[in-house]
Amino acid sequence: MQIDEIFEIHQTAKSKGFYDSWTGSPEDILSKLALIHSEVSEVLEAYRKQKGAKAIQEEFADIFIRCYDLLVQLYDDDIIDTYDIDQVIRQKAAINNGRRYKHGTLI
């Protein structure tokens, strides 16, 4: 996803009132994380209720949208120092690639 698209996602959320009472408090951040969690649950429900591939993909899209939105807000609030999530994902994937099978667990 291009950075301008990520910023547009955040601007849309702001224009729709999702940041009207934002103070940057821990409770605000936890609330946004809870919304991400609720989107994960919606993927589960779409799968469980056999709503089909399109519904499942749309719920995954909502997860990414909420994640990108919060990422930009955390950058704006100086809680994180980069919004180059693509680079961070690449770095993290490389780390995961070097880990032992199932990270050394027995599960």
C-alpha atoms as a PDB file:
ATOM      1  CA  MET A   1       0.000   0.000   0.000  1.00  0.00           C
ATOM      2  CA  GLN A   2       1.316   3.417  -0.903  1.00  0.00           C
ATOM      3  CA  ILE A   3       1.949   5.923   1.870  1.00  0.00           C
ATOM      4  CA  ASP A   4      -0.526   8.421   0.444  1.00  0.00           C
ATOM      5  CA  GLU A   5      -3.213   5.716   0.567  1.00  0.00           C
ATOM      6  CA  ILE A   6      -2.363   4.999   4.207  1.00  0.00           C
ATOM      7  CA  PHE A   7      -2.675   8.692   5.063  1.00  0.00           C
ATOM      8  CA  GLU A   8      -5.974   8.858   3.162  1.00  0.00           C
ATOM      9  CA  ILE A   9      -7.322   5.976   5.279  1.00  0.00           C
ATOM     10  CA  HIS A  10      -6.484   7.953   8.408  1.00  0.00           C
ATOM     11  CA  GLN A  11      -7.964  11.170   7.045  1.00  0.00           C
ATOM     12  CA  THR A  12     -11.182   9.312   6.212  1.00  0.00           C
ATOM     13  CA  ALA A  13     -11.412   7.972   9.767  1.00  0.00           C
ATOM     14  CA  LYS A  14     -10.865  11.474  11.130  1.00  0.00           C
ATOM     15  CA  SER A  15     -13.458  12.997   8.800  1.00  0.00           C
ATOM     16  CA  LYS A  16     -16.001  10.372   9.881  1.00  0.00           C
ATOM     17  CA  GLY A  17     -15.609  11.321  13.552  1.00  0.00           C
ATOM     18  CA  PHE A  18     -13.447   8.462  14.799  1.00  0.00           C
ATOM     19  CA  TYR A  19     -10.983  10.910  16.370  1.00  0.00           C
ATOM     20  CA  ASP A  20     -13.328  13.639  17.618  1.00  0.00           C
ATOM     21  CA  SER A  21     -12.522  12.870  21.255  1.00  0.00           C
ATOM     22  CA  TRP A  22      -8.957  11.602  20.728  1.00  0.00           C
ATOM     23  CA  THR A  23      -6.517  12.699  23.420  1.00  0.00           C
ATOM     24  CA  GLY A  24      -3.826  10.090  22.828  1.00  0.00           C
ATOM     25  CA  SER A  25      -4.455   8.542  26.231  1.00  0.00           C
ATOM     26  CA  PRO A  26      -3.739   4.868  26.853  1.00  0.00           C
ATOM     27  CA  GLU A  27      -7.509   4.339  26.890  1.00  0.00           C
ATOM     28  CA  ASP A  28      -7.800   5.856  23.406  1.00  0.00           C
ATOM     29  CA  ILE A  29      -5.121   3.537  22.080  1.00  0.00           C
ATOM     30  CA  LEU A  30      -6.650   0.516  23.806  1.00  0.00           C
ATOM     31  CA  SER A  31     -10.017   1.407  22.301  1.00  0.00           C
ATOM     32  CA  LYS A  32      -8.541   1.448  18.784  1.00  0.00           C
ATOM     33  CA  LEU A  33      -6.809  -1.878  19.439  1.00  0.00           C
ATOM     34  CA  ALA A  34     -10.136  -3.318  20.604  1.00  0.00           C
ATOM     35  CA  LEU A  35     -11.672  -2.232  17.288  1.00  0.00           C
ATOM     36  CA  ILE A  36      -8.917  -4.113  15.455  1.00  0.00           C
ATOM     37  CA  HIS A  37      -9.680  -7.146  17.602  1.00  0.00           C
ATOM     38  CA  SER A  38     -13.364  -6.878  16.745  1.00  0.00           C
ATOM     39  CA  GLU A  39     -12.494  -6.956  13.045  1.00  0.00           C
ATOM     40  CA  VAL A  40     -10.514 -10.167  13.624  1.00  0.00           C
ATOM     41  CA  SER A  41     -13.621 -11.638  15.231  1.00  0.00           C
ATOM     42  CA  GLU A  42     -15.633 -10.619  12.179  1.00  0.00           C
ATOM     43  CA  VAL A  43     -13.281 -12.661   9.970  1.00  0.00           C
ATOM     44  CA  LEU A  44     -13.942 -15.621  12.224  1.00  0.00           C
ATOM     45  CA  GLU A  45     -17.693 -15.101  11.978  1.00  0.00           C
ATOM     46  CA  ALA A  46     -17.608 -14.698   8.189  1.00  0.00           C
ATOM     47  CA  TYR A  47     -15.729 -17.977   7.944  1.00  0.00           C
ATOM     48  CA  ARG A  48     -17.873 -19.767  10.530  1.00  0.00           C
ATOM     49  CA  LYS A  49     -21.106 -18.657   8.867  1.00  0.00           C
ATOM     50  CA  GLN A  50     -19.708 -19.585   5.436  1.00  0.00           C
ATOM     51  CA  LYS A  51     -20.310 -16.120   4.022  1.00  0.00           C
ATOM     52  CA  GLY A  52     -17.801 -16.753   1.247  1.00  0.00           C
ATOM     53  CA  ALA A  53     -14.401 -15.577   0.129  1.00  0.00           C
ATOM     54  CA  LYS A  54     -15.456 -11.989  -0.638  1.00  0.00           C
ATOM     55  CA  ALA A  55     -16.866 -11.417   2.867  1.00  0.00           C
ATOM     56  CA  ILE A  56     -13.766 -12.922   4.461  1.00  0.00           C
ATOM     57  CA  GLN A  57     -11.494 -10.712   2.354  1.00  0.00           C
ATOM     58  CA  GLU A  58     -13.552  -7.631   3.193  1.00  0.00           C
ATOM     59  CA  GLU A  59     -13.179  -8.361   6.901  1.00  0.00           C
ATOM     60  CA  PHE A  60      -9.417  -8.773   6.450  1.00  0.00           C
ATOM     61  CA  ALA A  61      -9.425  -5.429   4.622  1.00  0.00           C
ATOM     62  CA  ASP A  62     -11.112  -3.857   7.641  1.00  0.00           C
ATOM     63  CA  ILE A  63      -8.313  -5.207   9.865  1.00  0.00           C
ATOM     64  CA  PHE A  64      -5.653  -3.619   7.674  1.00  0.00           C
ATOM     65  CA  ILE A  65      -7.590  -0.352   7.399  1.00  0.00           C
ATOM     66  CA  ARG A  66      -7.895  -0.046  11.167  1.00  0.00           C
ATOM     67  CA  CYS A  67      -4.221  -0.985  11.634  1.00  0.00           C
ATOM     68  CA  TYR A  68      -3.029   1.576   9.088  1.00  0.00           C
ATOM     69  CA  ASP A  69      -5.305   4.207  10.607  1.00  0.00           C
ATOM     70  CA  LEU A  70      -3.933   3.674  14.112  1.00  0.00           C
ATOM     71  CA  LEU A  71      -0.369   3.510  12.811  1.00  0.00           C
ATOM     72  CA  VAL A  72      -0.630   7.003  11.323  1.00  0.00           C
ATOM     73  CA  GLN A  73      -2.214   8.379  14.497  1.00  0.00           C
ATOM     74  CA  LEU A  74       0.571   6.907  16.631  1.00  0.00           C
ATOM     75  CA  TYR A  75       3.081   8.509  14.275  1.00  0.00           C
ATOM     76  CA  ASP A  76       1.256  11.853  14.513  1.00  0.00           C
ATOM     77  CA  ASP A  77       1.347  11.551  18.309  1.00  0.00           C
ATOM     78  CA  ASP A  78       5.120  10.823  18.271  1.00  0.00           C
ATOM     79  CA  ILE A  79       4.575   7.420  19.853  1.00  0.00           C
ATOM     80  CA  ILE A  80       6.313   5.731  16.932  1.00  0.00           C
ATOM     81  CA  ASP A  81       9.000   7.277  14.777  1.00  0.00           C
ATOM     82  CA  THR A  82       8.193   5.823  11.363  1.00  0.00           C
ATOM     83  CA  TYR A  83       5.140   4.991   9.316  1.00  0.00           C
ATOM     84  CA  ASP A  84       7.157   2.979   6.790  1.00  0.00           C
ATOM     85  CA  ILE A  85       5.295  -0.163   7.747  1.00  0.00           C
ATOM     86  CA  ASP A  86       6.285  -1.959   4.531  1.00  0.00           C
ATOM     87  CA  GLN A  87       9.954  -1.781   5.527  1.00  0.00           C
ATOM     88  CA  VAL A  88       9.209  -2.855   9.092  1.00  0.00           C
ATOM     89  CA  ILE A  89       7.159  -5.802   7.792  1.00  0.00           C
ATOM     90  CA  ARG A  90      10.038  -6.840   5.514  1.00  0.00           C
ATOM     91  CA  GLN A  91      12.479  -6.662   8.435  1.00  0.00           C
ATOM     92  CA  LYS A  92      10.184  -8.625  10.711  1.00  0.00           C
ATOM     93  CA  ALA A  93       9.549 -11.258   8.021  1.00  0.00           C
ATOM     94  CA  ALA A  94      13.325 -11.690   7.645  1.00  0.00           C
ATOM     95  CA  ILE A  95      13.650 -12.164  11.403  1.00  0.00           C
ATOM     96  CA  ASN A  96      10.826 -14.709  11.384  1.00  0.00           C
ATOM     97  CA  ASN A  97      12.434 -16.505   8.443  1.00  0.00           C
ATOM     98  CA  GLY A  98      15.556 -17.039  10.546  1.00  0.00           C
ATOM     99  CA  ARG A  99      13.718 -18.471  13.550  1.00  0.00           C
ATOM    100  CA  ARG A 100      13.638 -22.126  14.434  1.00  0.00           C
ATOM    101  CA  TYR A 101      10.695 -24.308  13.450  1.00  0.00           C
ATOM    102  CA  LYS A 102       7.650 -23.049  15.373  1.00  0.00           C
ATOM    103  CA  HIS A 103      10.106 -20.783  17.209  1.00  0.00           C
ATOM    104  CA  GLY A 104      11.355 -23.779  19.165  1.00  0.00           C
ATOM    105  CA  THR A 105       8.043 -24.600  20.834  1.00  0.00           C
ATOM    106  CA  LEU A 106       6.507 -28.046  21.010  1.00  0.00           C
ATOM    107  CA  ILE A 107       3.072 -26.878  19.841  1.00  0.00           C
END
